Amino acid sequence: MPQGYLASTPQEAKVGAQKLASPVVVKAQVLVAGRGKAGGIRFADTPDDAEKVAFAILGSKIKGERVTKLLIEKKLNIAHEMYVGLVVDRPAKCYTLLASQAGGVDIEDVAQKTPEKMIRRSLEPGRALEGFQARELAQSLGYKGNQSWNLAPS
């Protein structure tokens, strides 16, 4: 997970980018899928660029949702992307941890067209994710030995 800062103004986005001292990703914080394709995820090489991008995104609407918060994250060179999310499963009255090696872009399409690529684990409300559960999930994602321990320490 990259280091990041929450911003509500273009000036806060600039300060966050200055603290990260590297190119950043400016991400709209809205409860909709497809933010990137809708223009809600953009890159900025400098703090001034981050401020300009934040100015453009804040107050805009993405799929009907007004953007009031941004996440300013350090831009990483990504070798492989995966998806991990936590959702509320109301009928089962629990949380469900979703994960996939197929990445985060178009994860809804992955779930619909190739559901076998989605890993689902029910979690008990009020309990933290246990180390053994995190290691089992890591192994289901293809991590082995020390990799799964590094991703999910005891």
C-alpha atoms as a PDB file:
ATOM      1  CA  MET A   1       0.000   0.000   0.000  1.00  0.00           C
ATOM      2  CA  PRO A   2       1.447   3.374  -0.941  1.00  0.00           C
ATOM      3  CA  GLN A   3       1.754   6.187   1.560  1.00  0.00           C
ATOM      4  CA  GLY A   4      -0.968   8.782   1.158  1.00  0.00           C
ATOM      5  CA  TYR A   5      -2.801  11.824   2.497  1.00  0.00           C
ATOM      6  CA  LEU A   6      -6.459  12.826   2.481  1.00  0.00           C
ATOM      7  CA  ALA A   7      -7.197  16.226   0.947  1.00  0.00           C
ATOM      8  CA  SER A   8     -10.333  18.375   0.862  1.00  0.00           C
ATOM      9  CA  THR A   9      -8.806  21.355  -0.965  1.00  0.00           C
ATOM     10  CA  PRO A  10      -6.320  21.848  -3.805  1.00  0.00           C
ATOM     11  CA  GLN A  11      -3.909  23.373  -1.277  1.00  0.00           C
ATOM     12  CA  GLU A  12      -4.093  20.251   0.919  1.00  0.00           C
ATOM     13  CA  ALA A  13      -3.402  18.135  -2.175  1.00  0.00           C
ATOM     14  CA  LYS A  14      -0.296  20.222  -2.876  1.00  0.00           C
ATOM     15  CA  VAL A  15       0.928  19.826   0.715  1.00  0.00           C
ATOM     16  CA  GLY A  16       0.338  16.063   0.547  1.00  0.00           C
ATOM     17  CA  ALA A  17       2.316  15.846  -2.683  1.00  0.00           C
ATOM     18  CA  GLN A  18       5.120  17.918  -1.124  1.00  0.00           C
ATOM     19  CA  LYS A  19       5.283  15.519   1.850  1.00  0.00           C
ATOM     20  CA  LEU A  20       5.507  12.541  -0.506  1.00  0.00           C
ATOM     21  CA  ALA A  21       8.307  14.247  -2.473  1.00  0.00           C
ATOM     22  CA  SER A  22       7.670  12.250  -5.642  1.00  0.00           C
ATOM     23  CA  PRO A  23       5.131  11.938  -8.432  1.00  0.00           C
ATOM     24  CA  VAL A  24       1.678  11.216  -7.003  1.00  0.00           C
ATOM     25  CA  VAL A  25      -1.694   9.782  -7.902  1.00  0.00           C
ATOM     26  CA  VAL A  26      -4.734  11.941  -7.121  1.00  0.00           C
ATOM     27  CA  LYS A  27      -7.773   9.746  -6.451  1.00  0.00           C
ATOM     28  CA  ALA A  28     -11.364  10.931  -6.038  1.00  0.00           C
ATOM     29  CA  GLN A  29     -12.946   9.396  -2.954  1.00  0.00           C
ATOM     30  CA  VAL A  30     -16.465   8.507  -4.097  1.00  0.00           C
ATOM     31  CA  LEU A  31     -18.560   5.404  -3.534  1.00  0.00           C
ATOM     32  CA  VAL A  32     -18.769   4.325  -7.171  1.00  0.00           C
ATOM     33  CA  ALA A  33     -16.879   1.902  -9.359  1.00  0.00           C
ATOM     34  CA  GLY A  34     -14.960   3.019 -12.406  1.00  0.00           C
ATOM     35  CA  ARG A  35     -13.432   6.218 -10.977  1.00  0.00           C
ATOM     36  CA  GLY A  36     -10.367   5.938 -13.198  1.00  0.00           C
ATOM     37  CA  LYS A  37     -12.265   5.666 -16.465  1.00  0.00           C
ATOM     38  CA  ALA A  38     -14.499   8.551 -15.337  1.00  0.00           C
ATOM     39  CA  GLY A  39     -11.526  10.881 -14.775  1.00  0.00           C
ATOM     40  CA  GLY A  40     -11.385  10.504 -11.010  1.00  0.00           C
ATOM     41  CA  ILE A  41      -7.862   9.097 -10.883  1.00  0.00           C
ATOM     42  CA  ARG A  42      -5.079  11.221 -12.346  1.00  0.00           C
ATOM     43  CA  PHE A  43      -1.310  11.495 -12.090  1.00  0.00           C
ATOM     44  CA  ALA A  44       0.736  14.528 -11.067  1.00  0.00           C
ATOM     45  CA  ASP A  45       4.503  14.891 -11.379  1.00  0.00           C
ATOM     46  CA  THR A  46       4.907  17.895  -9.059  1.00  0.00           C
ATOM     47  CA  PRO A  47       3.075  19.405  -6.073  1.00  0.00           C
ATOM     48  CA  ASP A  48       1.880  22.242  -8.337  1.00  0.00           C
ATOM     49  CA  ASP A  49       0.491  19.668 -10.772  1.00  0.00           C
ATOM     50  CA  ALA A  50      -1.267  17.902  -7.869  1.00  0.00           C
ATOM     51  CA  GLU A  51      -2.878  21.197  -6.874  1.00  0.00           C
ATOM     52  CA  LYS A  52      -4.111  21.773 -10.452  1.00  0.00           C
ATOM     53  CA  VAL A  53      -5.456  18.223 -10.767  1.00  0.00           C
ATOM     54  CA  ALA A  54      -7.179  18.522  -7.371  1.00  0.00           C
ATOM     55  CA  PHE A  55      -8.780  21.793  -8.469  1.00  0.00           C
ATOM     56  CA  ALA A  56     -10.160  20.038 -11.555  1.00  0.00           C
ATOM     57  CA  ILE A  57     -11.510  16.996  -9.678  1.00  0.00           C
ATOM     58  CA  LEU A  58     -12.862  18.538  -6.456  1.00  0.00           C
ATOM     59  CA  GLY A  59     -16.491  19.556  -6.826  1.00  0.00           C
ATOM     60  CA  SER A  60     -16.916  17.555 -10.024  1.00  0.00           C
ATOM     61  CA  LYS A  61     -19.356  14.664 -10.252  1.00  0.00           C
ATOM     62  CA  ILE A  62     -18.343  11.100 -10.989  1.00  0.00           C
ATOM     63  CA  LYS A  63     -21.296   8.922 -11.902  1.00  0.00           C
ATOM     64  CA  GLY A  64     -23.577  11.348 -10.060  1.00  0.00           C
ATOM     65  CA  GLU A  65     -21.438  11.538  -6.904  1.00  0.00           C
ATOM     66  CA  ARG A  66     -19.872  14.895  -6.014  1.00  0.00           C
ATOM     67  CA  VAL A  67     -16.171  14.702  -5.174  1.00  0.00           C
ATOM     68  CA  THR A  68     -15.380  16.344  -1.817  1.00  0.00           C
ATOM     69  CA  LYS A  69     -12.301  14.349  -0.787  1.00  0.00           C
ATOM     70  CA  LEU A  70      -9.170  13.181  -2.558  1.00  0.00           C
ATOM     71  CA  LEU A  71      -6.529  10.635  -1.674  1.00  0.00           C
ATOM     72  CA  ILE A  72      -3.042  11.788  -2.622  1.00  0.00           C
ATOM     73  CA  GLU A  73      -0.783   8.737  -2.880  1.00  0.00           C
ATOM     74  CA  LYS A  74       2.801   8.177  -3.838  1.00  0.00           C
ATOM     75  CA  LYS A  75       2.950   6.910  -7.425  1.00  0.00           C
ATOM     76  CA  LEU A  76       4.443   3.430  -7.551  1.00  0.00           C
ATOM     77  CA  ASN A  77       5.941   1.411 -10.365  1.00  0.00           C
ATOM     78  CA  ILE A  78       3.520  -1.488 -10.302  1.00  0.00           C
ATOM     79  CA  ALA A  79       4.698  -4.886 -11.496  1.00  0.00           C
ATOM     80  CA  HIS A  80       1.397  -6.641 -10.761  1.00  0.00           C
ATOM     81  CA  GLU A  81      -1.970  -5.356  -9.608  1.00  0.00           C
ATOM     82  CA  MET A  82      -4.497  -7.258  -7.527  1.00  0.00           C
ATOM     83  CA  TYR A  83      -7.816  -6.426  -5.964  1.00  0.00           C
ATOM     84  CA  VAL A  84      -8.743  -6.715  -2.288  1.00  0.00           C
ATOM     85  CA  GLY A  85     -11.970  -5.288  -0.907  1.00  0.00           C
ATOM     86  CA  LEU A  86     -14.242  -5.632   2.089  1.00  0.00           C
ATOM     87  CA  VAL A  87     -18.001  -5.521   1.536  1.00  0.00           C
ATOM     88  CA  VAL A  88     -21.046  -5.871   3.753  1.00  0.00           C
ATOM     89  CA  ASP A  89     -23.063  -9.009   2.984  1.00  0.00           C
ATOM     90  CA  ARG A  90     -26.419  -7.987   4.447  1.00  0.00           C
ATOM     91  CA  PRO A  91     -28.312 -11.252   3.781  1.00  0.00           C
ATOM     92  CA  ALA A  92     -25.572 -13.274   5.522  1.00  0.00           C
ATOM     93  CA  LYS A  93     -25.140 -10.593   8.232  1.00  0.00           C
ATOM     94  CA  CYS A  94     -21.374 -10.589   7.885  1.00  0.00           C
ATOM     95  CA  TYR A  95     -18.513  -8.969   6.042  1.00  0.00           C
ATOM     96  CA  THR A  96     -17.072 -10.565   2.941  1.00  0.00           C
ATOM     97  CA  LEU A  97     -13.465 -10.182   1.944  1.00  0.00           C
ATOM     98  CA  LEU A  98     -13.091 -10.187  -1.849  1.00  0.00           C
ATOM     99  CA  ALA A  99      -9.764 -10.692  -3.597  1.00  0.00           C
ATOM    100  CA  SER A 100      -8.506 -11.383  -7.091  1.00  0.00           C
ATOM    101  CA  GLN A 101      -5.216 -11.644  -8.936  1.00  0.00           C
ATOM    102  CA  ALA A 102      -7.053 -10.064 -11.885  1.00  0.00           C
ATOM    103  CA  GLY A 103      -6.465  -6.539 -10.570  1.00  0.00           C
ATOM    104  CA  GLY A 104      -8.735  -3.666  -9.639  1.00  0.00           C
ATOM    105  CA  VAL A 105      -9.704  -2.096 -12.968  1.00  0.00           C
ATOM    106  CA  ASP A 106     -12.993  -3.536 -14.206  1.00  0.00           C
ATOM    107  CA  ILE A 107     -13.217  -5.849 -11.193  1.00  0.00           C
ATOM    108  CA  GLU A 108     -17.008  -5.942 -11.655  1.00  0.00           C
ATOM    109  CA  ASP A 109     -16.481  -7.471 -15.109  1.00  0.00           C
ATOM    110  CA  VAL A 110     -14.051 -10.012 -13.645  1.00  0.00           C
ATOM    111  CA  ALA A 111     -16.630 -10.996 -11.011  1.00  0.00           C
ATOM    112  CA  GLN A 112     -19.383 -11.345 -13.616  1.00  0.00           C
ATOM    113  CA  LYS A 113     -17.520 -12.971 -16.509  1.00  0.00           C
ATOM    114  CA  THR A 114     -14.921 -15.075 -14.658  1.00  0.00           C
ATOM    115  CA  PRO A 115     -16.210 -15.555 -11.097  1.00  0.00           C
ATOM    116  CA  GLU A 116     -13.661 -18.327 -10.528  1.00  0.00           C
ATOM    117  CA  LYS A 117     -11.007 -15.599 -10.398  1.00  0.00           C
ATOM    118  CA  MET A 118     -12.706 -14.041  -7.352  1.00  0.00           C
ATOM    119  CA  ILE A 119     -11.871 -15.289  -3.872  1.00  0.00           C
ATOM    120  CA  ARG A 120     -14.598 -14.734  -1.280  1.00  0.00           C
ATOM    121  CA  ARG A 121     -14.195 -15.224   2.472  1.00  0.00           C
ATOM    122  CA  SER A 122     -16.880 -14.469   5.047  1.00  0.00           C
ATOM    123  CA  LEU A 123     -15.697 -12.692   8.173  1.00  0.00           C
ATOM    124  CA  GLU A 124     -17.362 -12.615  11.536  1.00  0.00           C
ATOM    125  CA  PRO A 125     -18.630  -9.146  12.544  1.00  0.00           C
ATOM    126  CA  GLY A 126     -16.815  -7.606  15.490  1.00  0.00           C
ATOM    127  CA  ARG A 127     -13.692  -9.729  15.022  1.00  0.00           C
ATOM    128  CA  ALA A 128     -10.406  -8.694  13.511  1.00  0.00           C
ATOM    129  CA  LEU A 129      -9.013 -10.531  10.526  1.00  0.00           C
ATOM    130  CA  GLU A 130      -6.923 -13.295  12.058  1.00  0.00           C
ATOM    131  CA  GLY A 131      -3.363 -13.910  10.876  1.00  0.00           C
ATOM    132  CA  PHE A 132      -4.207 -17.430   9.708  1.00  0.00           C
ATOM    133  CA  GLN A 133      -7.112 -16.053   7.637  1.00  0.00           C
ATOM    134  CA  ALA A 134      -4.856 -13.465   5.993  1.00  0.00           C
ATOM    135  CA  ARG A 135      -2.208 -16.117   5.258  1.00  0.00           C
ATOM    136  CA  GLU A 136      -4.828 -18.447   3.763  1.00  0.00           C
ATOM    137  CA  LEU A 137      -6.057 -15.590   1.573  1.00  0.00           C
ATOM    138  CA  ALA A 138      -2.469 -14.790   0.522  1.00  0.00           C
ATOM    139  CA  GLN A 139      -1.931 -18.441  -0.412  1.00  0.00           C
ATOM    140  CA  SER A 140      -5.195 -18.448  -2.386  1.00  0.00           C
ATOM    141  CA  LEU A 141      -3.804 -15.469  -4.315  1.00  0.00           C
ATOM    142  CA  GLY A 142      -0.724 -17.503  -5.206  1.00  0.00           C
ATOM    143  CA  TYR A 143       1.749 -16.398  -2.548  1.00  0.00           C
ATOM    144  CA  LYS A 144       3.899 -19.148  -1.060  1.00  0.00           C
ATOM    145  CA  GLY A 145       5.983 -19.708   2.057  1.00  0.00           C
ATOM    146  CA  ASN A 146       7.559 -16.552   3.433  1.00  0.00           C
ATOM    147  CA  GLN A 147       5.606 -14.399   0.986  1.00  0.00           C
ATOM    148  CA  SER A 148       2.327 -15.261   2.684  1.00  0.00           C
ATOM    149  CA  TRP A 149       3.884 -14.671   6.120  1.00  0.00           C
ATOM    150  CA  ASN A 150       5.239 -11.301   4.994  1.00  0.00           C
ATOM    151  CA  LEU A 151       1.814 -10.286   3.688  1.00  0.00           C
ATOM    152  CA  ALA A 152       0.003 -11.611   6.750  1.00  0.00           C
ATOM    153  CA  PRO A 153       2.202 -11.699   9.845  1.00  0.00           C
ATOM    154  CA  SER A 154       0.921 -13.303  13.013  1.00  0.00           C
END
